[in-house]
């Protein structure tokens, strides 16, 4: 467990270093004050908890993407109506580490790949990057929006003790790094068949709030929300789940099912995104 602790501390340092620069100067994040407020609080109990889970999540996409548009209304591709992109099930992996050291935050890590592909026939000329793609021609669109979450958080002090372990509340900061890639292939005016790719990688610090209600030892109700808003950009997601932990032992396997929804509105450089996704998820994991 000592190796795990030192690795987590190294991750925390790297995350703090990566949060410098202009992005942090211009964002307004909910919950940053809570980190300072509860930084000196102590966790209930001296134990170290480690949790890992893997599973799958259903993603039902909607919204649009555009790349160097001349017109924000015309030069964009609707994922559902234009590209006819359907639902997809993707993997989801999470890790959680809690310790009894008061001033050092706990940490959660998560990775979720997102990739959709579709196509159709353009109903009008569309500007995408350096090309104008012709109306009444076929096109193919692939969208990648992978994300990696690194969450630093504190447990609301005295909550577990006051509720005899029935309620736990987490407040903190989630740094979500998104990797977007949008590739459009079609017929460009005066050129012919071309492929044009838009890409961006962006860390987004988000306010983080999570809660767990445990009416009995084997059953938990879970909720979580992350949010950021600045300038024209906004990003939020929330989830609600049910966890079953049938075994009371040092190694506690569990099953978690629930629902997750998110919305990303982003205008960064030449890329403009307005995407929403929602769907059910299922995870299996172990806590020790």
Protein backbone atom coordinates (compact mmCIF):
# COMPACT_ATOMS: atom_id res chain seq x y z
CA UNK A 1 0.00 0.00 0.00
CA UNK A 2 3.01 2.31 0.59
CA UNK A 3 3.89 2.09 -3.12
CA UNK A 4 0.33 3.10 -4.04
CA UNK A 5 0.46 6.08 -1.65
CA UNK A 6 3.74 7.44 -3.05
CA UNK A 7 2.44 6.99 -6.64
CA UNK A 8 -0.72 8.93 -5.78
CA UNK A 9 1.33 11.78 -4.27
CA UNK A 10 3.39 11.98 -7.49
CA UNK A 11 0.18 12.15 -9.55
CA UNK A 12 -1.13 14.96 -7.34
CA UNK A 13 2.06 17.00 -7.85
CA UNK A 14 1.92 16.51 -11.63
CA UNK A 15 -1.72 17.58 -11.73
CA UNK A 16 -1.01 20.74 -9.77
CA UNK A 17 1.85 21.63 -12.10
CA UNK A 18 -0.30 21.09 -15.21
CA UNK A 19 -2.96 23.46 -13.97
CA UNK A 20 -0.82 26.58 -14.50
CA UNK A 21 -1.07 28.94 -17.42
CA UNK A 22 -3.76 30.95 -19.07
CA UNK A 23 -6.55 28.41 -18.76
CA UNK A 24 -6.62 28.64 -14.95
CA UNK A 25 -6.49 32.45 -15.08
CA UNK A 26 -9.72 32.79 -17.03
CA UNK A 27 -11.95 30.13 -15.64
CA UNK A 28 -14.60 30.35 -12.96
CA UNK A 29 -14.93 27.04 -11.18
CA UNK A 30 -17.56 26.16 -8.63
CA UNK A 31 -16.21 24.64 -5.47
CA UNK A 32 -12.64 26.00 -5.41
CA UNK A 33 -13.29 27.78 -2.14
CA UNK A 34 -14.45 24.58 -0.54
CA UNK A 35 -11.00 23.03 -1.05
CA UNK A 36 -9.40 25.74 1.08
CA UNK A 37 -12.23 25.63 3.61
CA UNK A 38 -11.93 21.91 4.28
CA UNK A 39 -8.22 21.45 3.66
CA UNK A 40 -7.55 21.35 7.39
CA UNK A 41 -10.37 18.93 8.23
CA UNK A 42 -9.79 15.32 9.24
CA UNK A 43 -11.34 12.18 7.84
CA UNK A 44 -13.38 9.89 10.02
CA UNK A 45 -11.23 6.96 10.98
CA UNK A 46 -7.53 6.24 10.28
CA UNK A 47 -8.00 3.65 7.54
CA UNK A 48 -6.73 3.76 3.96
CA UNK A 49 -9.34 2.84 1.34
CA UNK A 50 -8.54 1.81 -2.21
CA UNK A 51 -11.20 1.15 -4.85
CA UNK A 52 -11.08 0.13 -8.50
CA UNK A 53 -13.94 -0.53 -10.92
CA UNK A 54 -14.42 -1.23 -14.62
CA UNK A 55 -17.49 -1.54 -16.78
CA UNK A 56 -19.43 -0.09 -19.68
CA UNK A 57 -21.52 2.99 -20.33
CA UNK A 58 -24.14 3.66 -22.98
CA UNK A 59 -23.59 6.89 -24.90
CA UNK A 60 -26.46 8.51 -26.78
CA UNK A 61 -24.97 11.54 -28.55
CA UNK A 62 -26.63 14.71 -29.77
CA UNK A 63 -25.58 18.21 -30.79
CA UNK A 64 -23.17 19.47 -33.44
CA UNK A 65 -19.51 20.11 -34.26
CA UNK A 66 -17.80 22.69 -36.50
CA UNK A 67 -14.28 23.63 -37.53
CA UNK A 68 -13.33 27.14 -38.65
CA UNK A 69 -16.91 28.06 -39.54
CA UNK A 70 -17.72 31.17 -41.55
CA UNK A 71 -21.29 30.98 -40.27
CA UNK A 72 -22.01 29.42 -36.86
CA UNK A 73 -25.46 28.37 -38.07
CA UNK A 74 -24.63 27.00 -41.53
CA UNK A 75 -21.12 25.57 -41.21
CA UNK A 76 -21.75 22.83 -38.69
CA UNK A 77 -22.69 19.16 -38.74
CA UNK A 78 -25.53 17.84 -36.62
CA UNK A 79 -24.57 14.46 -35.17
CA UNK A 80 -28.07 13.03 -35.31
CA UNK A 81 -29.76 14.69 -38.27
CA UNK A 82 -26.80 15.09 -40.65
CA UNK A 83 -24.32 12.34 -39.71
CA UNK A 84 -27.00 9.94 -38.40
CA UNK A 85 -24.74 8.84 -35.56
CA UNK A 86 -26.34 6.22 -33.36
CA UNK A 87 -25.92 5.06 -29.78
CA UNK A 88 -22.76 3.27 -28.69
CA UNK A 89 -21.51 1.41 -25.62
CA UNK A 90 -17.99 2.28 -24.46
CA UNK A 91 -15.73 1.09 -21.59
CA UNK A 92 -15.29 3.07 -18.38
CA UNK A 93 -12.58 2.60 -15.73
CA UNK A 94 -12.28 4.30 -12.34
CA UNK A 95 -9.90 4.32 -9.37
CA UNK A 96 -10.35 5.88 -5.93
CA UNK A 97 -7.87 6.38 -3.08
CA UNK A 98 -8.68 7.77 0.38
CA UNK A 99 -6.23 8.23 3.26
CA UNK A 100 -6.30 9.72 6.80
CA UNK A 101 -3.79 12.59 6.25
CA UNK A 102 -5.85 15.78 6.79
CA UNK A 103 -4.09 18.35 4.58
CA UNK A 104 -3.50 16.09 1.57
CA UNK A 105 -6.56 15.63 -0.68
CA UNK A 106 -7.93 12.26 -1.62
CA UNK A 107 -7.85 11.34 -5.30
CA UNK A 108 -10.06 9.73 -7.93
CA UNK A 109 -8.98 8.85 -11.46
CA UNK A 110 -11.21 7.87 -14.36
CA UNK A 111 -10.88 7.23 -18.08
CA UNK A 112 -13.68 7.11 -20.64
CA UNK A 113 -13.10 6.85 -24.41
CA UNK A 114 -15.68 8.38 -26.73
CA UNK A 115 -15.79 7.72 -30.47
CA UNK A 116 -18.64 7.97 -32.97
CA UNK A 117 -18.82 7.53 -36.73
CA UNK A 118 -21.54 8.33 -39.22
CA UNK A 119 -22.31 9.89 -42.55
CA UNK A 120 -24.92 11.13 -44.96
CA UNK A 121 -25.54 13.63 -47.75
CA UNK A 122 -24.94 17.34 -47.28
CA UNK A 123 -28.02 19.47 -47.89
CA UNK A 124 -25.96 22.65 -48.36
CA UNK A 125 -22.36 23.79 -48.78
CA UNK A 126 -20.47 23.56 -45.48
CA UNK A 127 -17.17 25.15 -44.55
CA UNK A 128 -14.97 22.79 -42.53
CA UNK A 129 -11.37 23.85 -41.99
CA UNK A 130 -9.71 24.96 -45.21
CA UNK A 131 -12.33 23.45 -47.50
CA UNK A 132 -15.93 24.03 -48.54
CA UNK A 133 -17.71 20.70 -48.86
CA UNK A 134 -20.30 20.64 -51.64
CA UNK A 135 -24.03 20.23 -51.20
CA UNK A 136 -25.71 17.06 -52.51
CA UNK A 137 -22.50 15.00 -51.96
CA UNK A 138 -21.85 12.20 -49.51
CA UNK A 139 -19.65 12.65 -46.44
CA UNK A 140 -18.31 10.63 -43.53
CA UNK A 141 -17.72 12.06 -40.06
CA UNK A 142 -15.81 10.55 -37.15
CA UNK A 143 -15.79 12.23 -33.74
CA UNK A 144 -13.44 11.36 -30.89
CA UNK A 145 -13.89 12.95 -27.46
CA UNK A 146 -11.83 10.95 -24.97
CA UNK A 147 -11.56 12.20 -21.41
CA UNK A 148 -9.32 11.57 -18.41
CA UNK A 149 -10.45 12.74 -14.97
CA UNK A 150 -8.17 13.47 -12.02
CA UNK A 151 -10.21 14.56 -8.99
CA UNK A 152 -8.71 15.99 -5.81
CA UNK A 153 -11.26 16.14 -3.00
CA UNK A 154 -11.90 16.28 0.73
CA UNK A 155 -14.65 14.58 2.69
CA UNK A 156 -17.02 16.99 4.42
CA UNK A 157 -15.76 16.92 8.03
CA UNK A 158 -17.63 15.04 10.74
CA UNK A 159 -20.39 13.94 8.33
CA UNK A 160 -19.62 10.22 8.54
CA UNK A 161 -19.21 10.38 12.31
CA UNK A 162 -22.42 12.36 12.86
CA UNK A 163 -24.45 9.98 10.68
CA UNK A 164 -22.82 6.74 11.90
CA UNK A 165 -21.41 6.11 8.43
CA UNK A 166 -24.75 6.58 6.64
CA UNK A 167 -23.75 9.72 4.71
CA UNK A 168 -20.51 10.85 3.04
CA UNK A 169 -20.09 14.09 1.07
CA UNK A 170 -17.09 14.97 -1.12
CA UNK A 171 -16.06 18.46 -2.26
CA UNK A 172 -13.15 19.21 -4.55
CA UNK A 173 -11.69 19.92 -7.95
CA UNK A 174 -11.85 17.66 -10.99
CA UNK A 175 -9.32 18.34 -13.77
CA UNK A 176 -10.79 16.77 -16.90
CA UNK A 177 -8.49 16.54 -19.91
CA UNK A 178 -10.46 16.16 -23.12
CA UNK A 179 -8.98 15.06 -26.43
CA UNK A 180 -11.21 16.04 -29.34
CA UNK A 181 -10.73 14.97 -32.93
CA UNK A 182 -13.26 15.55 -35.70
CA UNK A 183 -12.51 14.13 -39.14
CA UNK A 184 -14.68 15.04 -42.12
CA UNK A 185 -14.26 13.25 -45.45
CA UNK A 186 -16.17 14.36 -48.50
CA UNK A 187 -16.16 16.29 -51.77
CA UNK A 188 -14.64 19.77 -51.56
CA UNK A 189 -15.48 22.42 -54.14
CA UNK A 190 -12.75 22.65 -56.78
CA UNK A 191 -10.68 19.91 -55.15
CA UNK A 192 -12.51 16.60 -55.06
CA UNK A 193 -12.41 13.98 -52.31
CA UNK A 194 -10.50 15.24 -49.24
CA UNK A 195 -10.22 14.59 -45.51
CA UNK A 196 -9.89 17.47 -43.04
CA UNK A 197 -9.16 16.91 -39.34
CA UNK A 198 -9.85 19.22 -36.41
CA UNK A 199 -8.16 18.38 -33.13
CA UNK A 200 -7.63 19.88 -29.69
CA UNK A 201 -6.47 18.69 -26.27
CA UNK A 202 -7.63 20.80 -23.36
CA UNK A 203 -7.52 20.44 -19.54
CA UNK A 204 -10.71 21.76 -17.92
CA UNK A 205 -10.83 22.26 -14.12
CA UNK A 206 -14.32 21.59 -12.81
CA UNK A 207 -15.97 22.00 -9.43
CA UNK A 208 -16.76 18.57 -7.96
CA UNK A 209 -19.51 17.46 -5.57
CA UNK A 210 -20.36 13.84 -4.72
CA UNK A 211 -22.47 12.10 -2.08
CA UNK A 212 -23.07 8.55 -0.87
CA UNK A 213 -26.08 7.52 1.21
CA UNK A 214 -25.86 4.09 2.83
CA UNK A 215 -29.18 3.02 4.42
CA UNK A 216 -27.70 -0.44 5.08
CA UNK A 217 -24.15 -1.79 4.85
CA UNK A 218 -24.78 -3.71 1.64
CA UNK A 219 -26.56 -0.90 -0.26
CA UNK A 220 -25.45 2.60 -1.32
CA UNK A 221 -27.12 5.40 -3.25
CA UNK A 222 -24.55 7.49 -5.16
CA UNK A 223 -24.64 10.90 -6.80
CA UNK A 224 -22.02 13.12 -8.44
CA UNK A 225 -21.85 16.40 -10.37
CA UNK A 226 -18.98 18.27 -12.07
CA UNK A 227 -19.29 21.77 -13.53
CA UNK A 228 -17.31 24.61 -15.13
CA UNK A 229 -18.45 27.76 -16.91
CA UNK A 230 -16.36 30.54 -18.45
CA UNK A 231 -16.84 32.95 -21.34
CA UNK A 232 -18.94 31.10 -23.97
CA UNK A 233 -17.96 27.70 -22.65
CA UNK A 234 -19.82 25.42 -20.26
CA UNK A 235 -19.32 21.81 -19.28
CA UNK A 236 -21.23 19.73 -16.77
CA UNK A 237 -22.03 16.13 -16.06
CA UNK A 238 -24.00 14.30 -13.40
CA UNK A 239 -24.66 10.72 -12.49
CA UNK A 240 -26.88 8.79 -10.10
CA UNK A 241 -26.27 5.16 -9.20
CA UNK A 242 -27.05 2.22 -6.96
CA UNK A 243 -24.29 0.04 -5.50
CA UNK A 244 -24.64 -3.44 -4.04
CA UNK A 245 -21.87 -4.84 -1.82
CA UNK A 246 -23.09 -8.26 -0.72
CA UNK A 247 -19.91 -9.38 1.07
CA UNK A 248 -18.59 -7.98 4.38
CA UNK A 249 -14.89 -8.76 4.27
CA UNK A 250 -11.51 -7.00 3.91
CA UNK A 251 -11.93 -7.35 0.14
CA UNK A 252 -15.38 -6.02 -0.74
CA UNK A 253 -16.59 -6.73 -4.29
CA UNK A 254 -19.46 -4.58 -5.56
CA UNK A 255 -21.79 -4.04 -8.49
CA UNK A 256 -22.90 -0.53 -9.48
CA UNK A 257 -25.57 0.49 -11.97
CA UNK A 258 -26.87 3.93 -12.79
CA UNK A 259 -27.42 6.74 -15.25
CA UNK A 260 -25.05 9.45 -16.46
CA UNK A 261 -25.61 12.64 -18.49
CA UNK A 262 -23.24 15.34 -19.73
CA UNK A 263 -23.18 18.45 -21.90
CA UNK A 264 -20.16 20.21 -23.41
CA UNK A 265 -20.34 23.63 -25.09
CA UNK A 266 -16.89 24.71 -26.19
CA UNK A 267 -15.46 27.42 -28.45
CA UNK A 268 -11.69 27.05 -28.34
CA UNK A 269 -9.55 28.27 -31.21
CA UNK A 270 -11.02 27.06 -34.51
CA UNK A 271 -13.09 24.30 -32.90
CA UNK A 272 -16.69 24.74 -31.81
CA UNK A 273 -18.54 21.92 -30.07
CA UNK A 274 -22.02 21.63 -28.60
CA UNK A 275 -22.45 17.98 -27.64
CA UNK A 276 -24.63 16.17 -25.14
CA UNK A 277 -24.56 12.49 -24.17
CA UNK A 278 -26.56 10.34 -21.79
CA UNK A 279 -27.11 6.70 -20.98
CA UNK A 280 -27.07 3.92 -18.44
CA UNK A 281 -23.89 2.36 -17.03
CA UNK A 282 -22.84 -0.78 -15.17
CA UNK A 283 -19.62 -1.36 -13.23
CA UNK A 284 -18.03 -4.16 -11.24
CA UNK A 285 -15.29 -3.43 -8.75
CA UNK A 286 -13.54 -4.15 -5.52
CA UNK A 287 -12.83 -2.05 -2.43
CA UNK A 288 -10.20 -2.77 0.20
